[in-house]
């Protein structure tokens, strides 16, 4: 677990720590108070994980449109989200097979 030494944590990060989660929120520098080398290192690790996930959701949004999921009930919503993920994975598999 990474603890930021010498920096103030915001209430969201404190709440995450109390619940047992590691904060994945990037630090932000302000004028006359730049990030320390350790904070920049932590931001690099956090953003490398986030960028992999955001690329997947960006591709889904581009292929299938920014359509709002309109269903009644959690079961139906989970089904349609699963179908979107399945179609996305199939499209990705086709792209990877064509590359070979």
PDB file of N, CA and C in Angstrom:
ATOM      1  N   UNK A   1       0.836  -1.168   0.000  1.00  0.00           N
ATOM      2  CA  UNK A   1       0.000   0.000   0.000  1.00  0.00           C
ATOM      3  C   UNK A   1       0.884   1.236   0.000  1.00  0.00           C
ATOM      4  N   UNK A   2       0.638   2.133  -0.934  1.00  0.00           N
ATOM      5  CA  UNK A   2       1.434   3.342  -1.042  1.00  0.00           C
ATOM      6  C   UNK A   2       0.838   4.443  -0.184  1.00  0.00           C
ATOM      7  N   UNK A   3       1.638   4.986   0.689  1.00  0.00           N
ATOM      8  CA  UNK A   3       1.197   6.132   1.475  1.00  0.00           C
ATOM      9  C   UNK A   3       2.000   7.328   1.033  1.00  0.00           C
ATOM     10  N   UNK A   4       1.333   8.418   0.802  1.00  0.00           N
ATOM     11  CA  UNK A   4       2.017   9.631   0.391  1.00  0.00           C
ATOM     12  C   UNK A   4       2.541  10.341   1.631  1.00  0.00           C
ATOM     13  N   UNK A   5       3.849  10.481   1.703  1.00  0.00           N
ATOM     14  CA  UNK A   5       4.476  11.085   2.859  1.00  0.00           C
ATOM     15  C   UNK A   5       4.552  12.582   2.648  1.00  0.00           C
ATOM     16  N   UNK A   6       4.101  13.347   3.623  1.00  0.00           N
ATOM     17  CA  UNK A   6       4.200  14.794   3.565  1.00  0.00           C
ATOM     18  C   UNK A   6       3.161  15.463   2.695  1.00  0.00           C
ATOM     19  N   UNK A   7       2.135  14.770   2.296  1.00  0.00           N
ATOM     20  CA  UNK A   7       1.086  15.400   1.493  1.00  0.00           C
ATOM     21  C   UNK A   7      -0.247  15.230   2.207  1.00  0.00           C
ATOM     22  N   UNK A   8      -1.109  16.186   2.026  1.00  0.00           N
ATOM     23  CA  UNK A   8      -2.418  16.119   2.653  1.00  0.00           C
ATOM     24  C   UNK A   8      -3.321  15.238   1.808  1.00  0.00           C
ATOM     25  N   UNK A   9      -4.080  14.393   2.465  1.00  0.00           N
ATOM     26  CA  UNK A   9      -5.019  13.547   1.751  1.00  0.00           C
ATOM     27  C   UNK A   9      -6.388  14.201   1.777  1.00  0.00           C
ATOM     28  N   UNK A  10      -7.095  14.056   0.688  1.00  0.00           N
ATOM     29  CA  UNK A  10      -8.443  14.607   0.659  1.00  0.00           C
ATOM     30  C   UNK A  10      -9.413  13.619   1.303  1.00  0.00           C
ATOM     31  N   UNK A  11     -10.621  14.026   1.595  1.00  0.00           N
ATOM     32  CA  UNK A  11     -11.580  13.147   2.283  1.00  0.00           C
ATOM     33  C   UNK A  11     -11.889  11.864   1.518  1.00  0.00           C
ATOM     34  N   UNK A  12     -11.851  11.920   0.198  1.00  0.00           N
ATOM     35  CA  UNK A  12     -12.130  10.715  -0.591  1.00  0.00           C
ATOM     36  C   UNK A  12     -11.048   9.674  -0.356  1.00  0.00           C
ATOM     37  N   UNK A  13      -9.783  10.108  -0.371  1.00  0.00           N
ATOM     38  CA  UNK A  13      -8.686   9.170  -0.139  1.00  0.00           C
ATOM     39  C   UNK A  13      -8.725   8.597   1.275  1.00  0.00           C
ATOM     40  N   UNK A  14      -9.086   9.421   2.251  1.00  0.00           N
ATOM     41  CA  UNK A  14      -9.205   8.934   3.624  1.00  0.00           C
ATOM     42  C   UNK A  14     -10.303   7.890   3.735  1.00  0.00           C
ATOM     43  N   UNK A  15     -11.433   8.125   3.052  1.00  0.00           N
ATOM     44  CA  UNK A  15     -12.535   7.176   3.073  1.00  0.00           C
ATOM     45  C   UNK A  15     -12.121   5.861   2.428  1.00  0.00           C
ATOM     46  N   UNK A  16     -11.375   5.937   1.319  1.00  0.00           N
ATOM     47  CA  UNK A  16     -10.905   4.714   0.673  1.00  0.00           C
ATOM     48  C   UNK A  16      -9.993   3.920   1.593  1.00  0.00           C
ATOM     49  N   UNK A  17      -9.100   4.617   2.293  1.00  0.00           N
ATOM     50  CA  UNK A  17      -8.197   3.938   3.218  1.00  0.00           C
ATOM     51  C   UNK A  17      -8.958   3.266   4.350  1.00  0.00           C
ATOM     52  N   UNK A  18      -9.960   3.936   4.885  1.00  0.00           N
ATOM     53  CA  UNK A  18     -10.756   3.353   5.963  1.00  0.00           C
ATOM     54  C   UNK A  18     -11.467   2.091   5.507  1.00  0.00           C
ATOM     55  N   UNK A  19     -11.881   2.054   4.246  1.00  0.00           N
ATOM     56  CA  UNK A  19     -12.573   0.881   3.711  1.00  0.00           C
ATOM     57  C   UNK A  19     -11.609  -0.219   3.276  1.00  0.00           C
ATOM     58  N   UNK A  20     -10.313   0.056   3.295  1.00  0.00           N
ATOM     59  CA  UNK A  20      -9.326  -0.957   2.953  1.00  0.00           C
ATOM     60  C   UNK A  20      -8.907  -0.967   1.497  1.00  0.00           C
ATOM     61  N   UNK A  21      -9.195   0.107   0.764  1.00  0.00           N
ATOM     62  CA  UNK A  21      -8.816   0.198  -0.636  1.00  0.00           C
ATOM     63  C   UNK A  21      -7.559   1.042  -0.794  1.00  0.00           C
ATOM     64  N   UNK A  22      -6.812   0.775  -1.842  1.00  0.00           N
ATOM     65  CA  UNK A  22      -5.669   1.606  -2.177  1.00  0.00           C
ATOM     66  C   UNK A  22      -6.140   2.703  -3.115  1.00  0.00           C
ATOM     67  N   UNK A  23      -5.777   3.929  -2.820  1.00  0.00           N
ATOM     68  CA  UNK A  23      -6.208   5.053  -3.640  1.00  0.00           C
ATOM     69  C   UNK A  23      -5.513   5.010  -5.001  1.00  0.00           C
ATOM     70  N   UNK A  24      -6.288   5.130  -6.063  1.00  0.00           N
ATOM     71  CA  UNK A  24      -5.748   5.182  -7.421  1.00  0.00           C
ATOM     72  C   UNK A  24      -5.996   6.550  -8.040  1.00  0.00           C
ATOM     73  N   UNK A  25      -6.160   7.561  -7.203  1.00  0.00           N
ATOM     74  CA  UNK A  25      -6.396   8.923  -7.654  1.00  0.00           C
ATOM     75  C   UNK A  25      -5.051   9.605  -7.845  1.00  0.00           C
ATOM     76  N   UNK A  26      -4.823  10.164  -9.022  1.00  0.00           N
ATOM     77  CA  UNK A  26      -3.558  10.835  -9.304  1.00  0.00           C
ATOM     78  C   UNK A  26      -3.478  12.154  -8.536  1.00  0.00           C
ATOM     79  N   UNK A  27      -2.271  12.453  -8.070  1.00  0.00           N
ATOM     80  CA  UNK A  27      -2.015  13.711  -7.384  1.00  0.00           C
ATOM     81  C   UNK A  27      -1.920  14.821  -8.422  1.00  0.00           C
ATOM     82  N   UNK A  28      -2.224  16.035  -7.999  1.00  0.00           N
ATOM     83  CA  UNK A  28      -2.161  17.167  -8.908  1.00  0.00           C
ATOM     84  C   UNK A  28      -1.320  18.269  -8.282  1.00  0.00           C
ATOM     85  N   UNK A  29      -0.388  18.804  -9.035  1.00  0.00           N
ATOM     86  CA  UNK A  29       0.425  19.909  -8.557  1.00  0.00           C
ATOM     87  C   UNK A  29      -0.280  21.229  -8.801  1.00  0.00           C
ATOM     88  N   UNK A  30       0.054  22.196  -7.996  1.00  0.00           N
ATOM     89  CA  UNK A  30      -0.496  23.541  -8.160  1.00  0.00           C
ATOM     90  C   UNK A  30       0.668  24.524  -8.276  1.00  0.00           C
ATOM     91  N   UNK A  31       0.359  25.740  -8.657  1.00  0.00           N
ATOM     92  CA  UNK A  31       1.386  26.750  -8.832  1.00  0.00           C
ATOM     93  C   UNK A  31       2.172  26.927  -7.528  1.00  0.00           C
ATOM     94  N   UNK A  32       3.484  27.018  -7.639  1.00  0.00           N
ATOM     95  CA  UNK A  32       4.403  27.186  -6.515  1.00  0.00           C
ATOM     96  C   UNK A  32       4.404  26.010  -5.544  1.00  0.00           C
ATOM     97  N   UNK A  33       3.786  24.895  -5.916  1.00  0.00           N
ATOM     98  CA  UNK A  33       3.788  23.697  -5.082  1.00  0.00           C
ATOM     99  C   UNK A  33       3.772  22.492  -6.015  1.00  0.00           C
ATOM    100  N   UNK A  34       4.915  22.231  -6.647  1.00  0.00           N
ATOM    101  CA  UNK A  34       5.000  21.170  -7.638  1.00  0.00           C
ATOM    102  C   UNK A  34       4.997  19.802  -6.973  1.00  0.00           C
ATOM    103  N   UNK A  35       4.739  18.774  -7.773  1.00  0.00           N
ATOM    104  CA  UNK A  35       4.747  17.409  -7.262  1.00  0.00           C
ATOM    105  C   UNK A  35       6.170  16.977  -6.921  1.00  0.00           C
ATOM    106  N   UNK A  36       6.272  16.164  -5.903  1.00  0.00           N
ATOM    107  CA  UNK A  36       7.574  15.605  -5.542  1.00  0.00           C
ATOM    108  C   UNK A  36       7.896  14.470  -6.513  1.00  0.00           C
ATOM    109  N   UNK A  37       9.155  14.077  -6.605  1.00  0.00           N
ATOM    110  CA  UNK A  37       9.497  12.941  -7.482  1.00  0.00           C
ATOM    111  C   UNK A  37       8.729  11.674  -7.118  1.00  0.00           C
ATOM    112  N   UNK A  38       8.493  11.453  -5.830  1.00  0.00           N
ATOM    113  CA  UNK A  38       7.739  10.263  -5.409  1.00  0.00           C
ATOM    114  C   UNK A  38       6.295  10.336  -5.898  1.00  0.00           C
ATOM    115  N   UNK A  39       5.675  11.512  -5.822  1.00  0.00           N
ATOM    116  CA  UNK A  39       4.301  11.674  -6.304  1.00  0.00           C
ATOM    117  C   UNK A  39       4.226  11.467  -7.813  1.00  0.00           C
ATOM    118  N   UNK A  40       5.215  11.967  -8.548  1.00  0.00           N
ATOM    119  CA  UNK A  40       5.226  11.747 -10.003  1.00  0.00           C
ATOM    120  C   UNK A  40       5.371  10.270 -10.327  1.00  0.00           C
ATOM    121  N   UNK A  41       6.207   9.569  -9.556  1.00  0.00           N
ATOM    122  CA  UNK A  41       6.385   8.133  -9.747  1.00  0.00           C
ATOM    123  C   UNK A  41       5.063   7.397  -9.505  1.00  0.00           C
ATOM    124  N   UNK A  42       4.371   7.759  -8.409  1.00  0.00           N
ATOM    125  CA  UNK A  42       3.079   7.128  -8.098  1.00  0.00           C
ATOM    126  C   UNK A  42       2.042   7.424  -9.183  1.00  0.00           C
ATOM    127  N   UNK A  43       2.025   8.656  -9.675  1.00  0.00           N
ATOM    128  CA  UNK A  43       1.089   9.018 -10.745  1.00  0.00           C
ATOM    129  C   UNK A  43       1.347   8.201 -12.004  1.00  0.00           C
ATOM    130  N   UNK A  44       2.596   7.943 -12.311  1.00  0.00           N
ATOM    131  CA  UNK A  44       2.941   7.159 -13.491  1.00  0.00           C
ATOM    132  C   UNK A  44       2.407   5.737 -13.368  1.00  0.00           C
ATOM    133  N   UNK A  45       2.533   5.156 -12.196  1.00  0.00           N
ATOM    134  CA  UNK A  45       2.025   3.799 -11.976  1.00  0.00           C
ATOM    135  C   UNK A  45       0.502   3.782 -12.080  1.00  0.00           C
ATOM    136  N   UNK A  46      -0.153   4.737 -11.424  1.00  0.00           N
ATOM    137  CA  UNK A  46      -1.616   4.789 -11.437  1.00  0.00           C
ATOM    138  C   UNK A  46      -2.158   5.018 -12.835  1.00  0.00           C
ATOM    139  N   UNK A  47      -1.540   5.908 -13.597  1.00  0.00           N
ATOM    140  CA  UNK A  47      -2.059   6.207 -14.933  1.00  0.00           C
ATOM    141  C   UNK A  47      -1.783   5.076 -15.913  1.00  0.00           C
ATOM    142  N   UNK A  48      -0.729   4.284 -15.691  1.00  0.00           N
ATOM    143  CA  UNK A  48      -0.464   3.175 -16.606  1.00  0.00           C
ATOM    144  C   UNK A  48      -1.544   2.107 -16.492  1.00  0.00           C
ATOM    145  N   UNK A  49      -2.069   1.913 -15.293  1.00  0.00           N
ATOM    146  CA  UNK A  49      -3.172   0.974 -15.108  1.00  0.00           C
ATOM    147  C   UNK A  49      -4.450   1.550 -15.705  1.00  0.00           C
ATOM    148  N   UNK A  50      -4.727   2.819 -15.423  1.00  0.00           N
ATOM    149  CA  UNK A  50      -5.965   3.445 -15.868  1.00  0.00           C
ATOM    150  C   UNK A  50      -6.044   3.543 -17.387  1.00  0.00           C
ATOM    151  N   UNK A  51      -4.917   3.806 -18.049  1.00  0.00           N
ATOM    152  CA  UNK A  51      -4.979   3.993 -19.502  1.00  0.00           C
ATOM    153  C   UNK A  51      -5.359   2.701 -20.214  1.00  0.00           C
ATOM    154  N   UNK A  52      -4.954   1.554 -19.674  1.00  0.00           N
ATOM    155  CA  UNK A  52      -5.344   0.286 -20.307  1.00  0.00           C
ATOM    156  C   UNK A  52      -6.848   0.086 -20.257  1.00  0.00           C
ATOM    157  N   UNK A  53      -7.447   0.428 -19.137  1.00  0.00           N
ATOM    158  CA  UNK A  53      -8.887   0.265 -18.970  1.00  0.00           C
ATOM    159  C   UNK A  53      -9.639   1.288 -19.815  1.00  0.00           C
ATOM    160  N   UNK A  54      -9.190   2.545 -19.804  1.00  0.00           N
ATOM    161  CA  UNK A  54      -9.902   3.590 -20.531  1.00  0.00           C
ATOM    162  C   UNK A  54      -9.859   3.375 -22.034  1.00  0.00           C
ATOM    163  N   UNK A  55      -8.806   2.765 -22.552  1.00  0.00           N
ATOM    164  CA  UNK A  55      -8.757   2.474 -23.982  1.00  0.00           C
ATOM    165  C   UNK A  55      -9.848   1.474 -24.363  1.00  0.00           C
ATOM    166  N   UNK A  56     -10.089   0.507 -23.520  1.00  0.00           N
ATOM    167  CA  UNK A  56     -11.118  -0.487 -23.804  1.00  0.00           C
ATOM    168  C   UNK A  56     -12.494   0.171 -23.841  1.00  0.00           C
ATOM    169  N   UNK A  57     -12.793   0.995 -22.818  1.00  0.00           N
ATOM    170  CA  UNK A  57     -14.097   1.655 -22.797  1.00  0.00           C
ATOM    171  C   UNK A  57     -14.228   2.666 -23.925  1.00  0.00           C
ATOM    172  N   UNK A  58     -13.149   3.324 -24.295  1.00  0.00           N
ATOM    173  CA  UNK A  58     -13.191   4.253 -25.415  1.00  0.00           C
ATOM    174  C   UNK A  58     -13.495   3.539 -26.725  1.00  0.00           C
ATOM    175  N   UNK A  59     -12.896   2.365 -26.923  1.00  0.00           N
ATOM    176  CA  UNK A  59     -13.163   1.587 -28.135  1.00  0.00           C
ATOM    177  C   UNK A  59     -14.611   1.114 -28.169  1.00  0.00           C
ATOM    178  N   UNK A  60     -15.134   0.681 -27.022  1.00  0.00           N
ATOM    179  CA  UNK A  60     -16.538   0.261 -26.965  1.00  0.00           C
ATOM    180  C   UNK A  60     -17.462   1.421 -27.311  1.00  0.00           C
ATOM    181  N   UNK A  61     -17.151   2.575 -26.776  1.00  0.00           N
ATOM    182  CA  UNK A  61     -17.993   3.744 -27.011  1.00  0.00           C
ATOM    183  C   UNK A  61     -17.955   4.150 -28.484  1.00  0.00           C
ATOM    184  N   UNK A  62     -16.776   4.041 -29.094  1.00  0.00           N
ATOM    185  CA  UNK A  62     -16.629   4.416 -30.498  1.00  0.00           C
ATOM    186  C   UNK A  62     -17.366   3.442 -31.406  1.00  0.00           C
ATOM    187  N   UNK A  63     -17.247   2.156 -31.141  1.00  0.00           N
ATOM    188  CA  UNK A  63     -17.869   1.145 -31.996  1.00  0.00           C
ATOM    189  C   UNK A  63     -19.380   1.105 -31.841  1.00  0.00           C
ATOM    190  N   UNK A  64     -19.841   1.179 -30.596  1.00  0.00           N
ATOM    191  CA  UNK A  64     -21.257   0.952 -30.331  1.00  0.00           C
ATOM    192  C   UNK A  64     -22.027   2.224 -30.050  1.00  0.00           C
ATOM    193  N   UNK A  65     -21.362   3.341 -30.076  1.00  0.00           N
ATOM    194  CA  UNK A  65     -22.052   4.597 -29.823  1.00  0.00           C
ATOM    195  C   UNK A  65     -22.207   4.851 -28.334  1.00  0.00           C
ATOM    196  N   UNK A  66     -22.463   6.084 -28.016  1.00  0.00           N
ATOM    197  CA  UNK A  66     -22.631   6.459 -26.621  1.00  0.00           C
ATOM    198  C   UNK A  66     -24.103   6.320 -26.272  1.00  0.00           C
ATOM    199  N   UNK A  67     -24.555   5.104 -26.272  1.00  0.00           N
ATOM    200  CA  UNK A  67     -25.961   4.822 -26.056  1.00  0.00           C
ATOM    201  C   UNK A  67     -26.227   4.607 -24.571  1.00  0.00           C
ATOM    202  N   UNK A  68     -27.251   5.241 -24.074  1.00  0.00           N
ATOM    203  CA  UNK A  68     -27.626   5.070 -22.679  1.00  0.00           C
ATOM    204  C   UNK A  68     -28.355   3.746 -22.527  1.00  0.00           C
ATOM    205  N   UNK A  69     -28.004   3.028 -21.504  1.00  0.00           N
ATOM    206  CA  UNK A  69     -28.636   1.739 -21.242  1.00  0.00           C
ATOM    207  C   UNK A  69     -29.977   1.985 -20.564  1.00  0.00           C
ATOM    208  N   UNK A  70     -31.039   1.639 -21.249  1.00  0.00           N
ATOM    209  CA  UNK A  70     -32.379   1.892 -20.713  1.00  0.00           C
ATOM    210  C   UNK A  70     -33.092   0.568 -20.514  1.00  0.00           C
ATOM    211  N   UNK A  71     -32.993   0.048 -19.315  1.00  0.00           N
ATOM    212  CA  UNK A  71     -33.702  -1.178 -18.968  1.00  0.00           C
ATOM    213  C   UNK A  71     -34.335  -1.000 -17.606  1.00  0.00           C
ATOM    214  N   UNK A  72     -35.269  -1.868 -17.323  1.00  0.00           N
ATOM    215  CA  UNK A  72     -35.865  -1.891 -15.999  1.00  0.00           C
ATOM    216  C   UNK A  72     -35.392  -3.172 -15.334  1.00  0.00           C
ATOM    217  N   UNK A  73     -34.713  -3.018 -14.238  1.00  0.00           N
ATOM    218  CA  UNK A  73     -34.236  -4.183 -13.503  1.00  0.00           C
ATOM    219  C   UNK A  73     -32.745  -4.391 -13.670  1.00  0.00           C
ATOM    220  N   UNK A  74     -32.161  -4.860 -12.597  1.00  0.00           N
ATOM    221  CA  UNK A  74     -30.717  -5.073 -12.572  1.00  0.00           C
ATOM    222  C   UNK A  74     -30.294  -6.254 -13.451  1.00  0.00           C
ATOM    223  N   UNK A  75     -31.126  -7.303 -13.490  1.00  0.00           N
ATOM    224  CA  UNK A  75     -30.783  -8.486 -14.286  1.00  0.00           C
ATOM    225  C   UNK A  75     -30.662  -8.131 -15.773  1.00  0.00           C
ATOM    226  N   UNK A  76     -31.624  -7.365 -16.271  1.00  0.00           N
ATOM    227  CA  UNK A  76     -31.581  -6.983 -17.691  1.00  0.00           C
ATOM    228  C   UNK A  76     -30.383  -6.087 -17.979  1.00  0.00           C
ATOM    229  N   UNK A  77     -30.097  -5.164 -17.073  1.00  0.00           N
ATOM    230  CA  UNK A  77     -28.952  -4.271 -17.273  1.00  0.00           C
ATOM    231  C   UNK A  77     -27.661  -5.070 -17.292  1.00  0.00           C
ATOM    232  N   UNK A  78     -27.508  -6.010 -16.364  1.00  0.00           N
ATOM    233  CA  UNK A  78     -26.299  -6.840 -16.333  1.00  0.00           C
ATOM    234  C   UNK A  78     -26.177  -7.673 -17.609  1.00  0.00           C
ATOM    235  N   UNK A  79     -27.308  -8.167 -18.112  1.00  0.00           N
ATOM    236  CA  UNK A  79     -27.295  -8.947 -19.345  1.00  0.00           C
ATOM    237  C   UNK A  79     -26.782  -8.107 -20.509  1.00  0.00           C
ATOM    238  N   UNK A  80     -27.319  -6.879 -20.666  1.00  0.00           N
ATOM    239  CA  UNK A  80     -26.933  -6.047 -21.801  1.00  0.00           C
ATOM    240  C   UNK A  80     -25.499  -5.542 -21.682  1.00  0.00           C
ATOM    241  N   UNK A  81     -25.058  -5.285 -20.468  1.00  0.00           N
ATOM    242  CA  UNK A  81     -23.654  -4.902 -20.288  1.00  0.00           C
ATOM    243  C   UNK A  81     -22.754  -6.076 -20.651  1.00  0.00           C
ATOM    244  N   UNK A  82     -23.154  -7.269 -20.244  1.00  0.00           N
ATOM    245  CA  UNK A  82     -22.393  -8.469 -20.606  1.00  0.00           C
ATOM    246  C   UNK A  82     -22.352  -8.692 -22.111  1.00  0.00           C
ATOM    247  N   UNK A  83     -23.477  -8.438 -22.773  1.00  0.00           N
ATOM    248  CA  UNK A  83     -23.516  -8.598 -24.238  1.00  0.00           C
ATOM    249  C   UNK A  83     -22.602  -7.580 -24.919  1.00  0.00           C
ATOM    250  N   UNK A  84     -22.601  -6.344 -24.426  1.00  0.00           N
ATOM    251  CA  UNK A  84     -21.695  -5.338 -24.997  1.00  0.00           C
ATOM    252  C   UNK A  84     -20.241  -5.760 -24.836  1.00  0.00           C
ATOM    253  N   UNK A  85     -19.907  -6.275 -23.643  1.00  0.00           N
ATOM    254  CA  UNK A  85     -18.541  -6.716 -23.412  1.00  0.00           C
ATOM    255  C   UNK A  85     -18.183  -7.903 -24.296  1.00  0.00           C
ATOM    256  N   UNK A  86     -19.129  -8.816 -24.489  1.00  0.00           N
ATOM    257  CA  UNK A  86     -18.889  -9.970 -25.347  1.00  0.00           C
ATOM    258  C   UNK A  86     -18.636  -9.537 -26.788  1.00  0.00           C
ATOM    259  N   UNK A  87     -19.458  -8.637 -27.294  1.00  0.00           N
ATOM    260  CA  UNK A  87     -19.279  -8.143 -28.665  1.00  0.00           C
ATOM    261  C   UNK A  87     -17.947  -7.410 -28.794  1.00  0.00           C
ATOM    262  N   UNK A  88     -17.601  -6.640 -27.798  1.00  0.00           N
ATOM    263  CA  UNK A  88     -16.331  -5.918 -27.816  1.00  0.00           C
ATOM    264  C   UNK A  88     -15.153  -6.889 -27.852  1.00  0.00           C
ATOM    265  N   UNK A  89     -15.231  -7.941 -27.045  1.00  0.00           N
ATOM    266  CA  UNK A  89     -14.159  -8.947 -27.035  1.00  0.00           C
ATOM    267  C   UNK A  89     -14.071  -9.683 -28.366  1.00  0.00           C
ATOM    268  N   UNK A  90     -15.218  -9.952 -28.984  1.00  0.00           N
ATOM    269  CA  UNK A  90     -15.203 -10.628 -30.279  1.00  0.00           C
ATOM    270  C   UNK A  90     -14.595  -9.730 -31.351  1.00  0.00           C
ATOM    271  N   UNK A  91     -14.938  -8.445 -31.338  1.00  0.00           N
ATOM    272  CA  UNK A  91     -14.359  -7.499 -32.297  1.00  0.00           C
ATOM    273  C   UNK A  91     -12.854  -7.405 -32.103  1.00  0.00           C
ATOM    274  N   UNK A  92     -12.423  -7.374 -30.868  1.00  0.00           N
ATOM    275  CA  UNK A  92     -10.984  -7.304 -30.570  1.00  0.00           C
ATOM    276  C   UNK A  92     -10.281  -8.555 -31.051  1.00  0.00           C
ATOM    277  N   UNK A  93     -10.905  -9.721 -30.880  1.00  0.00           N
ATOM    278  CA  UNK A  93     -10.312 -10.985 -31.342  1.00  0.00           C
ATOM    279  C   UNK A  93     -10.156 -10.980 -32.862  1.00  0.00           C
ATOM    280  N   UNK A  94     -11.158 -10.456 -33.574  1.00  0.00           N
ATOM    281  CA  UNK A  94     -11.072 -10.389 -35.034  1.00  0.00           C
ATOM    282  C   UNK A  94      -9.912  -9.482 -35.460  1.00  0.00           C
ATOM    283  N   UNK A  95      -9.764  -8.358 -34.781  1.00  0.00           N
ATOM    284  CA  UNK A  95      -8.672  -7.433 -35.111  1.00  0.00           C
ATOM    285  C   UNK A  95      -7.326  -8.102 -34.864  1.00  0.00           C
ATOM    286  N   UNK A  96      -7.198  -8.814 -33.760  1.00  0.00           N
ATOM    287  CA  UNK A  96      -5.931  -9.481 -33.445  1.00  0.00           C
ATOM    288  C   UNK A  96      -5.637 -10.613 -34.418  1.00  0.00           C
ATOM    289  N   UNK A  97      -6.678 -11.347 -34.864  1.00  0.00           N
ATOM    290  CA  UNK A  97      -6.459 -12.426 -35.830  1.00  0.00           C
ATOM    291  C   UNK A  97      -6.043 -11.874 -37.193  1.00  0.00           C
ATOM    292  N   UNK A  98      -6.616 -10.747 -37.590  1.00  0.00           N
ATOM    293  CA  UNK A  98      -6.245 -10.144 -38.872  1.00  0.00           C
ATOM    294  C   UNK A  98      -4.814  -9.623 -38.843  1.00  0.00           C
ATOM    295  N   UNK A  99      -4.340  -9.193 -37.672  1.00  0.00           N
ATOM    296  CA  UNK A  99      -2.988  -8.667 -37.558  1.00  0.00           C
ATOM    297  C   UNK A  99      -1.950  -9.752 -37.798  1.00  0.00           C
ATOM    298  N   UNK A 100      -2.292 -10.979 -37.453  1.00  0.00           N
ATOM    299  CA  UNK A 100      -1.353 -12.090 -37.669  1.00  0.00           C
ATOM    300  C   UNK A 100      -1.401 -12.495 -39.104  1.00  0.00           C
TER     301      UNK A 100
END
